Amino acid sequence: LVTDAGGNSLLIVDQRGNIDWVATLPPELVSTANVKSLLGCPGSGAEACDLPESIPAQAVATSIAIGPDGAYYVSELKGFPARHARCGSSSACSVALDGFTSIIDLTFGPDGTLYVVELDENSWFALEPPAGPPIGGSVNACNVATGSCTQVATGLFMATAATVSKDGTVSVVTNGLIPGAATLSTLP
């Protein structure tokens, strides 16, 4: 399985290199309030201050994790699973968890906990000049059956990936978008 950020889709590739699509993720209307806040609107005079309350945004599929239930969990940078499903209009796709900003990675632990990595709590836009300053990303431990999540780490600069060992130890990559500066840290 491969997420295609440019095509907003989940693909499947067989051992011979044949590619088929599993699901496409639709654009959605998203609020512009966060961008306006980061740019100091309305007083800053930034161009973004004139944006409407919401604008269409691409899904930007960033990661895939296969759950213990066999379902495909696909993350979206702005905000699911059967073959040839059109998420947003197909009953084969559903939102497992929401309320996150800029999800960049997903991974399941051996106990079935889904770990959700957010690039920055203020959204990816916080990393773009002149919006900053970023407040840092997080790693969230989620129970997909109940929909409940707990932050296990916050304030992580450019958190880009996580992994969970067989014993349940969670490690996260930070500074992942800075060449030569990426670090791997074990979470307590």
Foldseek 3Di string as FASTA:
>chain_A
DDQDQVQQFAWDADPVGDIATWEHEAWDKDACVLQCVLCVPPPNVDPSNPDPRIDTDRFRWAEWEQFPVRAIDTHGQAWAGGGPYYPPPDPRGDDQETDAHGWHYWYAAPVRWIKTKHQARSHPCQVPPPRHDTQFIFIWTADSVVRDIDTQDTSAHRWHYWDADNVGWIWTWGPVVPPPPIDIGIGD
